[in-house]
Amino acid sequence: MARNKIKTLRQFDDDDLKDKLTDLKVDLAKLRSEALKGTLKKDAGVIRWKRRDIARILTIMNERVRGKKTQ
């Protein structure tokens, strides 16, 4: 899966962001379990990028919630 840019993530609606977030969390859990087993070889750096993509999505979702509260 390609890395997510903040500009493209902002174009998604809330439902798409939630779906993407759950997919990323599932992928991250699989990668972490492989890392614990020792079977994760060349994808070791992917964990960092998955975590950052999750943080990007959560940031966008929180910005939208805070924007709705102030209006």
PDB file of N, CA and C in Angstrom:
ATOM      1  N   MET A   1       0.839  -1.170   0.000  1.00  0.00           N
ATOM      2  CA  MET A   1       0.000   0.000   0.000  1.00  0.00           C
ATOM      3  C   MET A   1       0.888   1.238   0.000  1.00  0.00           C
ATOM      4  N   ALA A   2       0.520   2.211  -0.791  1.00  0.00           N
ATOM      5  CA  ALA A   2       1.299   3.430  -0.915  1.00  0.00           C
ATOM      6  C   ALA A   2       1.117   4.298   0.324  1.00  0.00           C
ATOM      7  N   ARG A   3       2.119   5.118   0.577  1.00  0.00           N
ATOM      8  CA  ARG A   3       2.047   6.044   1.705  1.00  0.00           C
ATOM      9  C   ARG A   3       0.984   7.088   1.436  1.00  0.00           C
ATOM     10  N   ASN A   4       0.384   7.574   2.487  1.00  0.00           N
ATOM     11  CA  ASN A   4      -0.707   8.529   2.373  1.00  0.00           C
ATOM     12  C   ASN A   4      -0.196   9.947   2.582  1.00  0.00           C
ATOM     13  N   LYS A   5      -0.539  10.808   1.666  1.00  0.00           N
ATOM     14  CA  LYS A   5      -0.203  12.215   1.792  1.00  0.00           C
ATOM     15  C   LYS A   5      -1.325  12.921   2.531  1.00  0.00           C
ATOM     16  N   ILE A   6      -0.981  13.938   3.288  1.00  0.00           N
ATOM     17  CA  ILE A   6      -1.977  14.654   4.071  1.00  0.00           C
ATOM     18  C   ILE A   6      -2.985  15.354   3.162  1.00  0.00           C
ATOM     19  N   LYS A   7      -2.518  15.810   2.016  1.00  0.00           N
ATOM     20  CA  LYS A   7      -3.409  16.506   1.081  1.00  0.00           C
ATOM     21  C   LYS A   7      -4.492  15.570   0.554  1.00  0.00           C
ATOM     22  N   THR A   8      -4.130  14.347   0.224  1.00  0.00           N
ATOM     23  CA  THR A   8      -5.118  13.402  -0.295  1.00  0.00           C
ATOM     24  C   THR A   8      -6.041  12.901   0.816  1.00  0.00           C
ATOM     25  N   LEU A   9      -5.506  12.778   2.032  1.00  0.00           N
ATOM     26  CA  LEU A   9      -6.339  12.317   3.140  1.00  0.00           C
ATOM     27  C   LEU A   9      -7.398  13.341   3.496  1.00  0.00           C
ATOM     28  N   ARG A  10      -7.095  14.610   3.343  1.00  0.00           N
ATOM     29  CA  ARG A  10      -8.061  15.657   3.666  1.00  0.00           C
ATOM     30  C   ARG A  10      -9.244  15.647   2.700  1.00  0.00           C
ATOM     31  N   GLN A  11      -9.082  15.064   1.542  1.00  0.00           N
ATOM     32  CA  GLN A  11     -10.159  15.010   0.562  1.00  0.00           C
ATOM     33  C   GLN A  11     -11.173  13.914   0.872  1.00  0.00           C
ATOM     34  N   PHE A  12     -10.807  12.949   1.718  1.00  0.00           N
ATOM     35  CA  PHE A  12     -11.712  11.864   2.067  1.00  0.00           C
ATOM     36  C   PHE A  12     -12.780  12.360   3.028  1.00  0.00           C
ATOM     37  N   ASP A  13     -13.942  11.706   3.007  1.00  0.00           N
ATOM     38  CA  ASP A  13     -14.960  12.038   3.994  1.00  0.00           C
ATOM     39  C   ASP A  13     -14.719  11.192   5.250  1.00  0.00           C
ATOM     40  N   ASP A  14     -15.524  11.422   6.271  1.00  0.00           N
ATOM     41  CA  ASP A  14     -15.289  10.791   7.574  1.00  0.00           C
ATOM     42  C   ASP A  14     -15.376   9.268   7.516  1.00  0.00           C
ATOM     43  N   ASP A  15     -16.326   8.745   6.749  1.00  0.00           N
ATOM     44  CA  ASP A  15     -16.478   7.290   6.665  1.00  0.00           C
ATOM     45  C   ASP A  15     -15.270   6.638   6.004  1.00  0.00           C
ATOM     46  N   ASP A  16     -14.763   7.269   4.940  1.00  0.00           N
ATOM     47  CA  ASP A  16     -13.576   6.727   4.272  1.00  0.00           C
ATOM     48  C   ASP A  16     -12.359   6.767   5.183  1.00  0.00           C
ATOM     49  N   LEU A  17     -12.232   7.832   5.960  1.00  0.00           N
ATOM     50  CA  LEU A  17     -11.108   7.924   6.895  1.00  0.00           C
ATOM     51  C   LEU A  17     -11.198   6.842   7.966  1.00  0.00           C
ATOM     52  N   LYS A  18     -12.403   6.577   8.456  1.00  0.00           N
ATOM     53  CA  LYS A  18     -12.562   5.533   9.463  1.00  0.00           C
ATOM     54  C   LYS A  18     -12.211   4.165   8.896  1.00  0.00           C
ATOM     55  N   ASP A  19     -12.624   3.909   7.652  1.00  0.00           N
ATOM     56  CA  ASP A  19     -12.295   2.633   7.007  1.00  0.00           C
ATOM     57  C   ASP A  19     -10.791   2.491   6.822  1.00  0.00           C
ATOM     58  N   LYS A  20     -10.168   3.551   6.375  1.00  0.00           N
ATOM     59  CA  LYS A  20      -8.718   3.536   6.159  1.00  0.00           C
ATOM     60  C   LYS A  20      -7.984   3.344   7.481  1.00  0.00           C
ATOM     61  N   LEU A  21      -8.509   3.971   8.532  1.00  0.00           N
ATOM     62  CA  LEU A  21      -7.898   3.847   9.851  1.00  0.00           C
ATOM     63  C   LEU A  21      -7.962   2.407  10.355  1.00  0.00           C
ATOM     64  N   THR A  22      -9.097   1.763  10.192  1.00  0.00           N
ATOM     65  CA  THR A  22      -9.209   0.371  10.646  1.00  0.00           C
ATOM     66  C   THR A  22      -8.290  -0.538   9.829  1.00  0.00           C
ATOM     67  N   ASP A  23      -8.192  -0.289   8.529  1.00  0.00           N
ATOM     68  CA  ASP A  23      -7.292  -1.093   7.696  1.00  0.00           C
ATOM     69  C   ASP A  23      -5.840  -0.939   8.145  1.00  0.00           C
ATOM     70  N   LEU A  24      -5.442   0.289   8.421  1.00  0.00           N
ATOM     71  CA  LEU A  24      -4.068   0.536   8.858  1.00  0.00           C
ATOM     72  C   LEU A  24      -3.793  -0.102  10.212  1.00  0.00           C
ATOM     73  N   LYS A  25      -4.767  -0.056  11.110  1.00  0.00           N
ATOM     74  CA  LYS A  25      -4.572  -0.669  12.426  1.00  0.00           C
ATOM     75  C   LYS A  25      -4.448  -2.180  12.326  1.00  0.00           C
ATOM     76  N   VAL A  26      -5.225  -2.787  11.441  1.00  0.00           N
ATOM     77  CA  VAL A  26      -5.130  -4.236  11.237  1.00  0.00           C
ATOM     78  C   VAL A  26      -3.766  -4.589  10.645  1.00  0.00           C
ATOM     79  N   ASP A  27      -3.331  -3.821   9.645  1.00  0.00           N
ATOM     80  CA  ASP A  27      -2.019  -4.066   9.047  1.00  0.00           C
ATOM     81  C   ASP A  27      -0.900  -3.908  10.069  1.00  0.00           C
ATOM     82  N   LEU A  28      -1.022  -2.880  10.908  1.00  0.00           N
ATOM     83  CA  LEU A  28       0.002  -2.650  11.927  1.00  0.00           C
ATOM     84  C   LEU A  28       0.043  -3.796  12.929  1.00  0.00           C
ATOM     85  N   ALA A  29      -1.106  -4.301  13.312  1.00  0.00           N
ATOM     86  CA  ALA A  29      -1.142  -5.431  14.248  1.00  0.00           C
ATOM     87  C   ALA A  29      -0.476  -6.665  13.641  1.00  0.00           C
ATOM     88  N   LYS A  30      -0.731  -6.906  12.354  1.00  0.00           N
ATOM     89  CA  LYS A  30      -0.105  -8.050  11.684  1.00  0.00           C
ATOM     90  C   LYS A  30       1.408  -7.880  11.632  1.00  0.00           C
ATOM     91  N   LEU A  31       1.859  -6.674  11.292  1.00  0.00           N
ATOM     92  CA  LEU A  31       3.297  -6.421  11.216  1.00  0.00           C
ATOM     93  C   LEU A  31       3.965  -6.568  12.576  1.00  0.00           C
ATOM     94  N   ARG A  32       3.293  -6.089  13.614  1.00  0.00           N
ATOM     95  CA  ARG A  32       3.872  -6.202  14.955  1.00  0.00           C
ATOM     96  C   ARG A  32       3.956  -7.653  15.400  1.00  0.00           C
ATOM     97  N   SER A  33       2.954  -8.453  15.058  1.00  0.00           N
ATOM     98  CA  SER A  33       3.002  -9.863  15.443  1.00  0.00           C
ATOM     99  C   SER A  33       4.103 -10.594  14.679  1.00  0.00           C
ATOM    100  N   GLU A  34       4.286 -10.244  13.411  1.00  0.00           N
ATOM    101  CA  GLU A  34       5.382 -10.838  12.644  1.00  0.00           C
ATOM    102  C   GLU A  34       6.728 -10.424  13.209  1.00  0.00           C
ATOM    103  N   ALA A  35       6.826  -9.183  13.658  1.00  0.00           N
ATOM    104  CA  ALA A  35       8.077  -8.708  14.231  1.00  0.00           C
ATOM    105  C   ALA A  35       8.400  -9.449  15.525  1.00  0.00           C
ATOM    106  N   LEU A  36       7.383  -9.736  16.316  1.00  0.00           N
ATOM    107  CA  LEU A  36       7.608 -10.472  17.561  1.00  0.00           C
ATOM    108  C   LEU A  36       8.018 -11.909  17.297  1.00  0.00           C
ATOM    109  N   LYS A  37       7.445 -12.498  16.238  1.00  0.00           N
ATOM    110  CA  LYS A  37       7.808 -13.870  15.889  1.00  0.00           C
ATOM    111  C   LYS A  37       9.201 -13.953  15.280  1.00  0.00           C
ATOM    112  N   GLY A  38       9.644 -12.862  14.694  1.00  0.00           N
ATOM    113  CA  GLY A  38      10.942 -12.848  14.046  1.00  0.00           C
ATOM    114  C   GLY A  38      10.864 -13.154  12.566  1.00  0.00           C
ATOM    115  N   THR A  39       9.669 -13.181  12.002  1.00  0.00           N
ATOM    116  CA  THR A  39       9.517 -13.494  10.582  1.00  0.00           C
ATOM    117  C   THR A  39       9.464 -12.246   9.709  1.00  0.00           C
ATOM    118  N   LEU A  40       9.527 -11.085  10.308  1.00  0.00           N
ATOM    119  CA  LEU A  40       9.484  -9.834   9.557  1.00  0.00           C
ATOM    120  C   LEU A  40      10.896  -9.508   9.098  1.00  0.00           C
ATOM    121  N   LYS A  41      11.133  -9.557   7.812  1.00  0.00           N
ATOM    122  CA  LYS A  41      12.491  -9.360   7.305  1.00  0.00           C
ATOM    123  C   LYS A  41      12.674  -7.977   6.705  1.00  0.00           C
ATOM    124  N   LYS A  42      12.232  -7.815   5.473  1.00  0.00           N
ATOM    125  CA  LYS A  42      12.541  -6.573   4.762  1.00  0.00           C
ATOM    126  C   LYS A  42      11.526  -5.466   5.039  1.00  0.00           C
ATOM    127  N   ASP A  43      10.397  -5.783   5.646  1.00  0.00           N
ATOM    128  CA  ASP A  43       9.359  -4.785   5.896  1.00  0.00           C
ATOM    129  C   ASP A  43       9.448  -4.180   7.284  1.00  0.00           C
ATOM    130  N   ALA A  44      10.598  -4.230   7.907  1.00  0.00           N
ATOM    131  CA  ALA A  44      10.727  -3.740   9.277  1.00  0.00           C
ATOM    132  C   ALA A  44      10.481  -2.239   9.362  1.00  0.00           C
ATOM    133  N   GLY A  45      10.826  -1.486   8.334  1.00  0.00           N
ATOM    134  CA  GLY A  45      10.628  -0.042   8.356  1.00  0.00           C
ATOM    135  C   GLY A  45       9.204   0.380   8.084  1.00  0.00           C
ATOM    136  N   VAL A  46       8.375  -0.551   7.660  1.00  0.00           N
ATOM    137  CA  VAL A  46       6.990  -0.233   7.320  1.00  0.00           C
ATOM    138  C   VAL A  46       6.183   0.096   8.584  1.00  0.00           C
ATOM    139  N   ILE A  47       6.565  -0.462   9.709  1.00  0.00           N
ATOM    140  CA  ILE A  47       5.843  -0.221  10.954  1.00  0.00           C
ATOM    141  C   ILE A  47       5.826   1.265  11.275  1.00  0.00           C
ATOM    142  N   ARG A  48       6.945   1.927  11.102  1.00  0.00           N
ATOM    143  CA  ARG A  48       7.030   3.360  11.377  1.00  0.00           C
ATOM    144  C   ARG A  48       6.068   4.144  10.504  1.00  0.00           C
ATOM    145  N   TRP A  49       6.017   3.804   9.221  1.00  0.00           N
ATOM    146  CA  TRP A  49       5.154   4.544   8.292  1.00  0.00           C
ATOM    147  C   TRP A  49       3.685   4.276   8.542  1.00  0.00           C
ATOM    148  N   LYS A  50       3.358   3.060   8.951  1.00  0.00           N
ATOM    149  CA  LYS A  50       1.960   2.761   9.293  1.00  0.00           C
ATOM    150  C   LYS A  50       1.534   3.595  10.504  1.00  0.00           C
ATOM    151  N   ARG A  51       2.403   3.676  11.504  1.00  0.00           N
ATOM    152  CA  ARG A  51       2.090   4.465  12.688  1.00  0.00           C
ATOM    153  C   ARG A  51       1.914   5.933  12.332  1.00  0.00           C
ATOM    154  N   ARG A  52       2.728   6.445  11.459  1.00  0.00           N
ATOM    155  CA  ARG A  52       2.623   7.845  11.061  1.00  0.00           C
ATOM    156  C   ARG A  52       1.357   8.102  10.251  1.00  0.00           C
ATOM    157  N   ASP A  53       0.992   7.157   9.395  1.00  0.00           N
ATOM    158  CA  ASP A  53      -0.252   7.309   8.627  1.00  0.00           C
ATOM    159  C   ASP A  53      -1.466   7.299   9.553  1.00  0.00           C
ATOM    160  N   ILE A  54      -1.427   6.443  10.573  1.00  0.00           N
ATOM    161  CA  ILE A  54      -2.513   6.414  11.553  1.00  0.00           C
ATOM    162  C   ILE A  54      -2.587   7.759  12.273  1.00  0.00           C
ATOM    163  N   ALA A  55      -1.453   8.300  12.637  1.00  0.00           N
ATOM    164  CA  ALA A  55      -1.431   9.597  13.320  1.00  0.00           C
ATOM    165  C   ALA A  55      -1.971  10.702  12.423  1.00  0.00           C
ATOM    166  N   ARG A  56      -1.651  10.645  11.141  1.00  0.00           N
ATOM    167  CA  ARG A  56      -2.173  11.652  10.207  1.00  0.00           C
ATOM    168  C   ARG A  56      -3.696  11.607  10.141  1.00  0.00           C
ATOM    169  N   ILE A  57      -4.231  10.411  10.045  1.00  0.00           N
ATOM    170  CA  ILE A  57      -5.687  10.265   9.948  1.00  0.00           C
ATOM    171  C   ILE A  57      -6.355  10.735  11.229  1.00  0.00           C
ATOM    172  N   LEU A  58      -5.797  10.364  12.382  1.00  0.00           N
ATOM    173  CA  LEU A  58      -6.373  10.795  13.646  1.00  0.00           C
ATOM    174  C   LEU A  58      -6.307  12.312  13.796  1.00  0.00           C
ATOM    175  N   THR A  59      -5.250  12.921  13.313  1.00  0.00           N
ATOM    176  CA  THR A  59      -5.125  14.372  13.366  1.00  0.00           C
ATOM    177  C   THR A  59      -6.209  15.041  12.536  1.00  0.00           C
ATOM    178  N   ILE A  60      -6.428  14.542  11.341  1.00  0.00           N
ATOM    179  CA  ILE A  60      -7.464  15.113  10.479  1.00  0.00           C
ATOM    180  C   ILE A  60      -8.838  14.949  11.110  1.00  0.00           C
ATOM    181  N   MET A  61      -9.106  13.785  11.677  1.00  0.00           N
ATOM    182  CA  MET A  61     -10.401  13.548  12.298  1.00  0.00           C
ATOM    183  C   MET A  61     -10.610  14.477  13.495  1.00  0.00           C
ATOM    184  N   ASN A  62      -9.573  14.687  14.295  1.00  0.00           N
ATOM    185  CA  ASN A  62      -9.683  15.582  15.445  1.00  0.00           C
ATOM    186  C   ASN A  62      -9.848  17.035  15.011  1.00  0.00           C
ATOM    187  N   GLU A  63      -9.182  17.431  13.942  1.00  0.00           N
ATOM    188  CA  GLU A  63      -9.344  18.791  13.434  1.00  0.00           C
ATOM    189  C   GLU A  63     -10.792  19.031  12.998  1.00  0.00           C
ATOM    190  N   ARG A  64     -11.373  18.043  12.373  1.00  0.00           N
ATOM    191  CA  ARG A  64     -12.753  18.179  11.913  1.00  0.00           C
ATOM    192  C   ARG A  64     -13.711  18.259  13.093  1.00  0.00           C
ATOM    193  N   VAL A  65     -13.479  17.479  14.133  1.00  0.00           N
ATOM    194  CA  VAL A  65     -14.348  17.508  15.307  1.00  0.00           C
ATOM    195  C   VAL A  65     -14.235  18.868  16.004  1.00  0.00           C
ATOM    196  N   ARG A  66     -13.029  19.360  16.151  1.00  0.00           N
ATOM    197  CA  ARG A  66     -12.835  20.651  16.806  1.00  0.00           C
ATOM    198  C   ARG A  66     -13.407  21.783  15.975  1.00  0.00           C
ATOM    199  N   GLY A  67     -13.346  21.652  14.654  1.00  0.00           N
ATOM    200  CA  GLY A  67     -13.915  22.671  13.780  1.00  0.00           C
ATOM    201  C   GLY A  67     -15.423  22.730  13.893  1.00  0.00           C
ATOM    202  N   LYS A  68     -16.050  21.581  14.087  1.00  0.00           N
ATOM    203  CA  LYS A  68     -17.503  21.534  14.225  1.00  0.00           C
ATOM    204  C   LYS A  68     -17.949  22.114  15.561  1.00  0.00           C
ATOM    205  N   LYS A  69     -17.125  21.955  16.603  1.00  0.00           N
ATOM    206  CA  LYS A  69     -17.492  22.456  17.924  1.00  0.00           C
ATOM    207  C   LYS A  69     -17.461  23.985  17.973  1.00  0.00           C
ATOM    208  N   THR A  70     -16.538  24.605  17.259  1.00  0.00           N
ATOM    209  CA  THR A  70     -16.392  26.050  17.326  1.00  0.00           C
ATOM    210  C   THR A  70     -17.392  26.779  16.445  1.00  0.00           C
ATOM    211  N   GLN A  71     -17.995  26.068  15.516  1.00  0.00           N
ATOM    212  CA  GLN A  71     -18.927  26.743  14.602  1.00  0.00           C
ATOM    213  C   GLN A  71     -20.290  26.872  15.169  1.00  0.00           C
TER     214      GLN A  71
END
